Amino acid sequence: MDALRRANEIRSQRAELKKRLKSGELAVYDLIDDPPDYVLTAKVFDMIVAAPKYGKVKATRLLNQCRISQGKTLGGLSDRQRQELVELLRLR
């Protein structure tokens, strides 16, 4: 039951985070640069797509340009990948 409660808590926190991304209250590059603990296992692709002006095609191109797999999680990004992705996102 503890694991279920924790999973539900994480889901609701991620939903709130996606709302903040969608509204523009939180920039996607800030999230990727310094992600909270509860979002480390979320896929980078999903977080980019949740932001305004980024659909599946743009997100795919962005990740391909940085040589990042679509299945990569925020916690699994290397320093190089994280830095390169944040720089590209800030330019847009």
C-alpha atoms as a PDB file:
ATOM      1  CA  MET A   1       0.000   0.000   0.000  1.00  0.00           C
ATOM      2  CA  ASP A   2       2.915   2.331   0.676  1.00  0.00           C
ATOM      3  CA  ALA A   3       4.227   1.903  -2.861  1.00  0.00           C
ATOM      4  CA  LEU A   4       0.789   2.559  -4.330  1.00  0.00           C
ATOM      5  CA  ARG A   5       0.387   5.721  -2.262  1.00  0.00           C
ATOM      6  CA  ARG A   6       3.837   6.936  -3.341  1.00  0.00           C
ATOM      7  CA  ALA A   7       3.086   6.197  -7.011  1.00  0.00           C
ATOM      8  CA  ASN A   8      -0.171   8.144  -6.826  1.00  0.00           C
ATOM      9  CA  GLU A   9       1.621  11.058  -5.183  1.00  0.00           C
ATOM     10  CA  ILE A  10       4.258  11.113  -7.930  1.00  0.00           C
ATOM     11  CA  ARG A  11       1.583  10.964 -10.651  1.00  0.00           C
ATOM     12  CA  SER A  12      -0.257  13.947  -9.190  1.00  0.00           C
ATOM     13  CA  GLN A  13       2.999  15.922  -8.816  1.00  0.00           C
ATOM     14  CA  ARG A  14       3.899  15.207 -12.440  1.00  0.00           C
ATOM     15  CA  ALA A  15       0.422  16.229 -13.604  1.00  0.00           C
ATOM     16  CA  GLU A  16       0.811  19.542 -11.762  1.00  0.00           C
ATOM     17  CA  LEU A  17       4.259  20.001 -13.285  1.00  0.00           C
ATOM     18  CA  LYS A  18       2.889  19.415 -16.796  1.00  0.00           C
ATOM     19  CA  LYS A  19       0.167  22.016 -16.156  1.00  0.00           C
ATOM     20  CA  ARG A  20       2.850  24.515 -15.142  1.00  0.00           C
ATOM     21  CA  LEU A  21       4.806  23.712 -18.319  1.00  0.00           C
ATOM     22  CA  LYS A  22       1.705  24.069 -20.489  1.00  0.00           C
ATOM     23  CA  SER A  23       0.777  27.437 -18.953  1.00  0.00           C
ATOM     24  CA  GLY A  24       4.310  28.788 -19.395  1.00  0.00           C
ATOM     25  CA  GLU A  25       4.760  29.243 -15.647  1.00  0.00           C
ATOM     26  CA  LEU A  26       7.764  26.906 -15.829  1.00  0.00           C
ATOM     27  CA  ALA A  27      10.237  26.828 -18.725  1.00  0.00           C
ATOM     28  CA  VAL A  28      11.102  23.370 -20.037  1.00  0.00           C
ATOM     29  CA  TYR A  29      14.826  24.195 -20.087  1.00  0.00           C
ATOM     30  CA  ASP A  30      14.707  25.076 -16.380  1.00  0.00           C
ATOM     31  CA  LEU A  31      13.034  21.734 -15.663  1.00  0.00           C
ATOM     32  CA  ILE A  32      15.637  19.789 -17.649  1.00  0.00           C
ATOM     33  CA  ASP A  33      18.514  21.770 -16.143  1.00  0.00           C
ATOM     34  CA  ASP A  34      17.443  21.100 -12.540  1.00  0.00           C
ATOM     35  CA  PRO A  35      14.688  18.455 -12.321  1.00  0.00           C
ATOM     36  CA  PRO A  36      12.973  17.693  -8.999  1.00  0.00           C
ATOM     37  CA  ASP A  37      13.396  14.161  -7.623  1.00  0.00           C
ATOM     38  CA  TYR A  38       9.858  13.034  -8.475  1.00  0.00           C
ATOM     39  CA  VAL A  39      10.401  13.657 -12.181  1.00  0.00           C
ATOM     40  CA  LEU A  40      13.808  11.982 -12.626  1.00  0.00           C
ATOM     41  CA  THR A  41      12.205   8.815 -14.013  1.00  0.00           C
ATOM     42  CA  ALA A  42      10.029  10.735 -16.515  1.00  0.00           C
ATOM     43  CA  LYS A  43      11.016  10.670 -20.157  1.00  0.00           C
ATOM     44  CA  VAL A  44      12.662  13.807 -21.540  1.00  0.00           C
ATOM     45  CA  PHE A  45      10.527  13.510 -24.680  1.00  0.00           C
ATOM     46  CA  ASP A  46       7.291  13.638 -22.638  1.00  0.00           C
ATOM     47  CA  MET A  47       8.406  16.739 -20.752  1.00  0.00           C
ATOM     48  CA  ILE A  48       9.336  18.577 -23.958  1.00  0.00           C
ATOM     49  CA  VAL A  49       6.027  17.654 -25.611  1.00  0.00           C
ATOM     50  CA  ALA A  50       4.162  18.977 -22.543  1.00  0.00           C
ATOM     51  CA  ALA A  51       5.642  22.445 -23.144  1.00  0.00           C
ATOM     52  CA  PRO A  52       3.898  24.902 -25.470  1.00  0.00           C
ATOM     53  CA  LYS A  53       5.180  25.150 -29.064  1.00  0.00           C
ATOM     54  CA  TYR A  54       6.706  21.669 -28.962  1.00  0.00           C
ATOM     55  CA  GLY A  55       4.977  18.777 -30.631  1.00  0.00           C
ATOM     56  CA  LYS A  56       6.181  15.274 -31.295  1.00  0.00           C
ATOM     57  CA  VAL A  57       8.053  16.227 -34.469  1.00  0.00           C
ATOM     58  CA  LYS A  58       9.960  19.165 -32.947  1.00  0.00           C
ATOM     59  CA  ALA A  59      10.757  17.173 -29.819  1.00  0.00           C
ATOM     60  CA  THR A  60      12.066  14.267 -31.908  1.00  0.00           C
ATOM     61  CA  ARG A  61      14.256  16.581 -34.007  1.00  0.00           C
ATOM     62  CA  LEU A  62      15.607  18.263 -30.898  1.00  0.00           C
ATOM     63  CA  LEU A  63      16.507  14.974 -29.232  1.00  0.00           C
ATOM     64  CA  ASN A  64      18.068  13.620 -32.440  1.00  0.00           C
ATOM     65  CA  GLN A  65      20.169  16.764 -32.769  1.00  0.00           C
ATOM     66  CA  CYS A  66      21.515  16.203 -29.237  1.00  0.00           C
ATOM     67  CA  ARG A  67      21.938  12.453 -29.843  1.00  0.00           C
ATOM     68  CA  ILE A  68      19.443  11.564 -27.105  1.00  0.00           C
ATOM     69  CA  SER A  69      17.162   8.530 -27.303  1.00  0.00           C
ATOM     70  CA  GLN A  70      13.401   9.164 -27.030  1.00  0.00           C
ATOM     71  CA  GLY A  71      13.287   6.706 -24.168  1.00  0.00           C
ATOM     72  CA  LYS A  72      15.892   8.567 -22.086  1.00  0.00           C
ATOM     73  CA  THR A  73      14.747   9.736 -18.660  1.00  0.00           C
ATOM     74  CA  LEU A  74      15.601  13.089 -17.068  1.00  0.00           C
ATOM     75  CA  GLY A  75      17.725  11.315 -14.482  1.00  0.00           C
ATOM     76  CA  GLY A  76      19.527   9.330 -17.164  1.00  0.00           C
ATOM     77  CA  LEU A  77      20.866  12.312 -19.103  1.00  0.00           C
ATOM     78  CA  SER A  78      24.619  12.765 -19.113  1.00  0.00           C
ATOM     79  CA  ASP A  79      26.018  16.208 -18.279  1.00  0.00           C
ATOM     80  CA  ARG A  80      26.832  16.785 -21.956  1.00  0.00           C
ATOM     81  CA  GLN A  81      23.351  15.803 -23.094  1.00  0.00           C
ATOM     82  CA  ARG A  82      21.675  17.934 -20.434  1.00  0.00           C
ATOM     83  CA  GLN A  83      23.806  20.997 -21.206  1.00  0.00           C
ATOM     84  CA  GLU A  84      23.394  20.685 -24.987  1.00  0.00           C
ATOM     85  CA  LEU A  85      19.633  20.212 -24.728  1.00  0.00           C
ATOM     86  CA  VAL A  86      19.182  23.159 -22.343  1.00  0.00           C
ATOM     87  CA  GLU A  87      21.202  25.422 -24.671  1.00  0.00           C
ATOM     88  CA  LEU A  88      19.108  24.432 -27.692  1.00  0.00           C
ATOM     89  CA  LEU A  89      15.852  24.933 -25.827  1.00  0.00           C
ATOM     90  CA  ARG A  90      16.908  28.400 -24.606  1.00  0.00           C
ATOM     91  CA  LEU A  91      17.581  29.483 -28.188  1.00  0.00           C
ATOM     92  CA  ARG A  92      14.022  28.707 -29.228  1.00  0.00           C
END
